Amino acid sequence: MGKKKTSSPTLDGKTLTQLQSLKDELSLAQGSIHLLNLTEDDGITLPDGVEDFHPKFVVILGSDEKDIVYGTVLIQSRPNHNIFSPVTIRKDFQPIKKKDYSFIRDKEHDPSYIDCGQIFSFTKERIIREKGYKCNLTNTDLSIMIEKLKNSDRIDPIDLIEYGIITT
C-alpha cells in the first residue's frame, strides 16, 4: 500500500504576512547576527581589489526610539594590529568561536572578533531586505559584548543611549 497523502493547512495572505512580520521582528532582536553587504558609504574601507561591496557580519545592539534605525557592531576575522594597540584589542574586541557559531568558516577565522568599539547604523528596512540573518549570540557572549560596549573609550555614550544599551 502507498502512503496516504495528508494535506497541510493553507494559510491566508494576512496570516502569512503576520508570520513574516513576526519572523522579521525576532531576527532583529539584540544579539542577532546578520550578513550585510557593506560599502564605503556605510563607513568601511573596502579591501584591495573589491570595488562594490564587502559582505560583513554585524551584531544588532538595538533600535532607535522609533524602531527605524538599528545600531550594530561588526564582526572581524581579526583585529588590525596596525590600527589598534594590544590594550585596545583586549578591551574592545570580543572573541567568538566556531564551536558556538556555524557561520565562522574555518580555522583562519576562528576565533573571530566582535569590535565593541564602533557602532554602525542601518535601517530596519535594509537589514530585513538583505535577508542575512544567521543566528543569535549566546547569552554569555551577549552579556560580555554589552559590557565591552559600555566600557569602550571609542564610543560616545550618546550612541549607547540611542540604542538602549544604557539609560539616562
C-alpha atoms as a PDB file:
ATOM      1  CA  MET A   1       0.000   0.000   0.000  1.00  0.00           C
ATOM      2  CA  GLY A   2       1.156   3.509  -0.775  1.00  0.00           C
ATOM      3  CA  LYS A   3       1.488   6.249   1.734  1.00  0.00           C
ATOM      4  CA  LYS A   4      -1.652   8.128   2.472  1.00  0.00           C
ATOM      5  CA  LYS A   5      -1.322  11.745   1.454  1.00  0.00           C
ATOM      6  CA  THR A   6      -2.034  14.275   4.109  1.00  0.00           C
ATOM      7  CA  SER A   7      -2.769  17.817   3.262  1.00  0.00           C
ATOM      8  CA  SER A   8      -1.305  20.587   5.280  1.00  0.00           C
ATOM      9  CA  PRO A   9      -3.477  23.528   6.116  1.00  0.00           C
ATOM     10  CA  THR A  10      -3.041  26.526   3.899  1.00  0.00           C
ATOM     11  CA  LEU A  11      -2.617  29.952   5.353  1.00  0.00           C
ATOM     12  CA  ASP A  12      -4.301  33.013   4.002  1.00  0.00           C
ATOM     13  CA  GLY A  13      -2.299  36.025   2.854  1.00  0.00           C
ATOM     14  CA  LYS A  14      -2.970  38.030   6.009  1.00  0.00           C
ATOM     15  CA  THR A  15      -1.702  35.217   8.250  1.00  0.00           C
ATOM     16  CA  LEU A  16       1.397  34.732   6.102  1.00  0.00           C
ATOM     17  CA  THR A  17       2.119  38.467   6.277  1.00  0.00           C
ATOM     18  CA  GLN A  18       1.739  38.413  10.074  1.00  0.00           C
ATOM     19  CA  LEU A  19       4.054  35.400  10.371  1.00  0.00           C
ATOM     20  CA  GLN A  20       6.686  37.071   8.171  1.00  0.00           C
ATOM     21  CA  SER A  21       6.442  40.238  10.244  1.00  0.00           C
ATOM     22  CA  LEU A  22       6.921  38.238  13.449  1.00  0.00           C
ATOM     23  CA  LYS A  23       9.895  36.417  11.933  1.00  0.00           C
ATOM     24  CA  ASP A  24      11.444  39.753  10.907  1.00  0.00           C
ATOM     25  CA  GLU A  25      10.977  41.182  14.405  1.00  0.00           C
ATOM     26  CA  LEU A  26      12.571  38.125  16.037  1.00  0.00           C
ATOM     27  CA  SER A  27      15.549  38.342  13.673  1.00  0.00           C
ATOM     28  CA  LEU A  28      16.096  41.960  14.779  1.00  0.00           C
ATOM     29  CA  ALA A  29      16.480  41.151  18.475  1.00  0.00           C
ATOM     30  CA  GLN A  30      19.506  42.380  20.389  1.00  0.00           C
ATOM     31  CA  GLY A  31      22.380  39.980  19.742  1.00  0.00           C
ATOM     32  CA  SER A  32      21.111  38.722  16.383  1.00  0.00           C
ATOM     33  CA  ILE A  33      23.798  38.274  13.739  1.00  0.00           C
ATOM     34  CA  HIS A  34      23.260  39.270  10.109  1.00  0.00           C
ATOM     35  CA  LEU A  35      25.383  39.242   6.977  1.00  0.00           C
ATOM     36  CA  LEU A  36      25.139  42.605   5.182  1.00  0.00           C
ATOM     37  CA  ASN A  37      26.819  43.827   2.009  1.00  0.00           C
ATOM     38  CA  LEU A  38      28.649  46.948   3.180  1.00  0.00           C
ATOM     39  CA  THR A  39      30.033  49.735   1.024  1.00  0.00           C
ATOM     40  CA  GLU A  40      32.269  52.703   1.637  1.00  0.00           C
ATOM     41  CA  ASP A  41      29.067  54.723   2.116  1.00  0.00           C
ATOM     42  CA  ASP A  42      28.451  52.575   5.207  1.00  0.00           C
ATOM     43  CA  GLY A  43      31.736  53.758   6.711  1.00  0.00           C
ATOM     44  CA  ILE A  44      34.033  50.825   5.961  1.00  0.00           C
ATOM     45  CA  THR A  45      37.177  50.652   3.885  1.00  0.00           C
ATOM     46  CA  LEU A  46      36.837  48.077   1.134  1.00  0.00           C
ATOM     47  CA  PRO A  47      39.647  45.524   0.861  1.00  0.00           C
ATOM     48  CA  ASP A  48      42.115  45.898  -2.014  1.00  0.00           C
ATOM     49  CA  GLY A  49      40.600  44.639  -5.250  1.00  0.00           C
ATOM     50  CA  VAL A  50      36.990  44.958  -4.032  1.00  0.00           C
ATOM     51  CA  GLU A  51      35.073  47.656  -5.901  1.00  0.00           C
ATOM     52  CA  ASP A  52      31.403  47.479  -4.908  1.00  0.00           C
ATOM     53  CA  PHE A  53      30.734  45.948  -1.502  1.00  0.00           C
ATOM     54  CA  HIS A  54      32.191  43.706   1.159  1.00  0.00           C
ATOM     55  CA  PRO A  55      29.991  41.169   2.976  1.00  0.00           C
ATOM     56  CA  LYS A  56      30.360  41.674   6.744  1.00  0.00           C
ATOM     57  CA  PHE A  57      28.698  40.062   9.730  1.00  0.00           C
ATOM     58  CA  VAL A  58      27.055  42.526  12.119  1.00  0.00           C
ATOM     59  CA  VAL A  59      25.517  42.084  15.560  1.00  0.00           C
ATOM     60  CA  ILE A  60      22.391  44.066  16.375  1.00  0.00           C
ATOM     61  CA  LEU A  61      22.593  46.176  19.534  1.00  0.00           C
ATOM     62  CA  GLY A  62      19.143  47.737  19.499  1.00  0.00           C
ATOM     63  CA  SER A  63      16.992  50.252  17.705  1.00  0.00           C
ATOM     64  CA  ASP A  64      16.310  53.934  17.969  1.00  0.00           C
ATOM     65  CA  GLU A  65      13.212  55.223  19.732  1.00  0.00           C
ATOM     66  CA  LYS A  66      11.115  54.978  16.558  1.00  0.00           C
ATOM     67  CA  ASP A  67      12.341  51.447  15.676  1.00  0.00           C
ATOM     68  CA  ILE A  68      13.596  52.672  12.288  1.00  0.00           C
ATOM     69  CA  VAL A  69      17.378  52.614  12.651  1.00  0.00           C
ATOM     70  CA  TYR A  70      19.337  49.791  14.251  1.00  0.00           C
ATOM     71  CA  GLY A  71      22.743  50.091  15.874  1.00  0.00           C
ATOM     72  CA  THR A  72      25.172  47.298  15.097  1.00  0.00           C
ATOM     73  CA  VAL A  73      28.782  46.301  15.650  1.00  0.00           C
ATOM     74  CA  LEU A  74      30.951  44.464  13.131  1.00  0.00           C
ATOM     75  CA  ILE A  75      32.461  41.017  13.417  1.00  0.00           C
ATOM     76  CA  GLN A  76      36.045  40.963  12.171  1.00  0.00           C
ATOM     77  CA  SER A  77      38.126  37.937  11.272  1.00  0.00           C
ATOM     78  CA  ARG A  78      40.869  39.513  13.386  1.00  0.00           C
ATOM     79  CA  PRO A  79      41.681  42.941  14.835  1.00  0.00           C
ATOM     80  CA  ASN A  80      44.051  45.056  12.745  1.00  0.00           C
ATOM     81  CA  HIS A  81      47.242  45.285  14.816  1.00  0.00           C
ATOM     82  CA  ASN A  82      48.429  48.183  12.628  1.00  0.00           C
ATOM     83  CA  ILE A  83      45.465  50.280  13.804  1.00  0.00           C
ATOM     84  CA  PHE A  84      44.721  49.039  17.336  1.00  0.00           C
ATOM     85  CA  SER A  85      47.066  48.679  20.282  1.00  0.00           C
ATOM     86  CA  PRO A  86      47.170  45.405  22.226  1.00  0.00           C
ATOM     87  CA  VAL A  87      45.394  47.183  25.114  1.00  0.00           C
ATOM     88  CA  THR A  88      42.552  48.361  22.845  1.00  0.00           C
ATOM     89  CA  ILE A  89      42.239  44.904  21.323  1.00  0.00           C
ATOM     90  CA  ARG A  90      41.884  43.280  24.771  1.00  0.00           C
ATOM     91  CA  LYS A  91      39.415  45.941  25.882  1.00  0.00           C
ATOM     92  CA  ASP A  92      37.224  46.395  22.787  1.00  0.00           C
ATOM     93  CA  PHE A  93      37.381  43.137  20.812  1.00  0.00           C
ATOM     94  CA  GLN A  94      35.419  40.117  21.949  1.00  0.00           C
ATOM     95  CA  PRO A  95      36.447  36.729  20.556  1.00  0.00           C
ATOM     96  CA  ILE A  96      33.725  34.332  19.397  1.00  0.00           C
ATOM     97  CA  LYS A  97      34.413  30.719  18.416  1.00  0.00           C
ATOM     98  CA  LYS A  98      33.333  28.446  15.594  1.00  0.00           C
ATOM     99  CA  LYS A  99      32.092  25.830  18.085  1.00  0.00           C
ATOM    100  CA  ASP A 100      29.345  28.313  19.040  1.00  0.00           C
ATOM    101  CA  TYR A 101      28.721  29.896  15.618  1.00  0.00           C
ATOM    102  CA  SER A 102      28.472  27.843  12.447  1.00  0.00           C
ATOM    103  CA  PHE A 103      28.893  30.895  10.171  1.00  0.00           C
ATOM    104  CA  ILE A 104      32.577  31.109  11.172  1.00  0.00           C
ATOM    105  CA  ARG A 105      34.062  29.357   8.175  1.00  0.00           C
ATOM    106  CA  ASP A 106      37.387  27.829   9.085  1.00  0.00           C
ATOM    107  CA  LYS A 107      40.437  27.824  11.356  1.00  0.00           C
ATOM    108  CA  GLU A 108      41.703  31.048   9.794  1.00  0.00           C
ATOM    109  CA  HIS A 109      38.577  32.829  11.105  1.00  0.00           C
ATOM    110  CA  ASP A 110      38.374  31.008  14.462  1.00  0.00           C
ATOM    111  CA  PRO A 111      38.144  32.902  16.642  1.00  0.00           C
ATOM    112  CA  SER A 112      36.513  35.892  15.002  1.00  0.00           C
ATOM    113  CA  TYR A 113      36.120  39.131  16.937  1.00  0.00           C
ATOM    114  CA  ILE A 114      33.229  41.473  17.684  1.00  0.00           C
ATOM    115  CA  ASP A 115      34.516  45.054  17.502  1.00  0.00           C
ATOM    116  CA  CYS A 116      32.815  46.611  20.521  1.00  0.00           C
ATOM    117  CA  GLY A 117      34.416  49.998  19.910  1.00  0.00           C
ATOM    118  CA  GLN A 118      32.500  51.269  16.885  1.00  0.00           C
ATOM    119  CA  ILE A 119      28.768  51.413  16.197  1.00  0.00           C
ATOM    120  CA  PHE A 120      27.305  51.343  12.696  1.00  0.00           C
ATOM    121  CA  SER A 121      23.697  52.249  11.900  1.00  0.00           C
ATOM    122  CA  PHE A 122      21.415  50.611   9.348  1.00  0.00           C
ATOM    123  CA  THR A 123      17.728  50.954   8.651  1.00  0.00           C
ATOM    124  CA  LYS A 124      15.385  48.197   9.707  1.00  0.00           C
ATOM    125  CA  GLU A 125      14.224  48.006   6.093  1.00  0.00           C
ATOM    126  CA  ARG A 126      17.736  47.339   4.803  1.00  0.00           C
ATOM    127  CA  ILE A 127      18.503  44.643   7.354  1.00  0.00           C
ATOM    128  CA  ILE A 128      15.274  42.821   6.506  1.00  0.00           C
ATOM    129  CA  ARG A 129      15.704  43.319   2.737  1.00  0.00           C
ATOM    130  CA  GLU A 130      19.184  41.756   2.716  1.00  0.00           C
ATOM    131  CA  LYS A 131      17.837  38.572   4.377  1.00  0.00           C
ATOM    132  CA  GLY A 132      21.165  37.853   6.026  1.00  0.00           C
ATOM    133  CA  TYR A 133      20.028  36.589   9.443  1.00  0.00           C
ATOM    134  CA  LYS A 134      22.366  33.836  10.674  1.00  0.00           C
ATOM    135  CA  CYS A 135      21.816  33.238  14.394  1.00  0.00           C
ATOM    136  CA  ASN A 136      21.907  34.930  17.810  1.00  0.00           C
ATOM    137  CA  LEU A 137      24.824  35.427  20.154  1.00  0.00           C
ATOM    138  CA  THR A 138      24.890  33.118  23.134  1.00  0.00           C
ATOM    139  CA  ASN A 139      23.654  34.776  26.328  1.00  0.00           C
ATOM    140  CA  THR A 140      27.213  34.801  27.683  1.00  0.00           C
ATOM    141  CA  ASP A 141      28.654  36.447  24.570  1.00  0.00           C
ATOM    142  CA  LEU A 142      25.799  38.965  24.515  1.00  0.00           C
ATOM    143  CA  SER A 143      26.488  39.963  28.138  1.00  0.00           C
ATOM    144  CA  ILE A 144      30.227  40.316  27.505  1.00  0.00           C
ATOM    145  CA  MET A 145      29.602  42.367  24.347  1.00  0.00           C
ATOM    146  CA  ILE A 146      27.335  44.790  26.193  1.00  0.00           C
ATOM    147  CA  GLU A 147      29.870  45.284  28.993  1.00  0.00           C
ATOM    148  CA  LYS A 148      32.649  45.921  26.473  1.00  0.00           C
ATOM    149  CA  LEU A 149      30.437  48.462  24.673  1.00  0.00           C
ATOM    150  CA  LYS A 150      29.707  50.266  27.929  1.00  0.00           C
ATOM    151  CA  ASN A 151      33.420  50.391  28.803  1.00  0.00           C
ATOM    152  CA  SER A 152      34.821  51.362  25.400  1.00  0.00           C
ATOM    153  CA  ASP A 153      36.655  54.678  25.173  1.00  0.00           C
ATOM    154  CA  ARG A 154      35.938  54.687  21.420  1.00  0.00           C
ATOM    155  CA  ILE A 155      32.135  55.002  21.737  1.00  0.00           C
ATOM    156  CA  ASP A 156      30.201  58.150  22.605  1.00  0.00           C
ATOM    157  CA  PRO A 157      27.735  57.406  25.442  1.00  0.00           C
ATOM    158  CA  ILE A 158      25.030  59.184  23.401  1.00  0.00           C
ATOM    159  CA  ASP A 159      25.166  56.281  20.927  1.00  0.00           C
ATOM    160  CA  LEU A 160      24.739  53.784  23.758  1.00  0.00           C
ATOM    161  CA  ILE A 161      21.699  55.690  24.994  1.00  0.00           C
ATOM    162  CA  GLU A 162      20.214  55.945  21.476  1.00  0.00           C
ATOM    163  CA  TYR A 163      20.228  52.171  21.018  1.00  0.00           C
ATOM    164  CA  GLY A 164      19.158  51.288  24.549  1.00  0.00           C
ATOM    165  CA  ILE A 165      22.488  49.928  25.818  1.00  0.00           C
ATOM    166  CA  ILE A 166      22.457  52.379  28.733  1.00  0.00           C
ATOM    167  CA  THR A 167      19.672  54.509  30.157  1.00  0.00           C
ATOM    168  CA  THR A 168      19.825  58.046  31.460  1.00  0.00           C
END
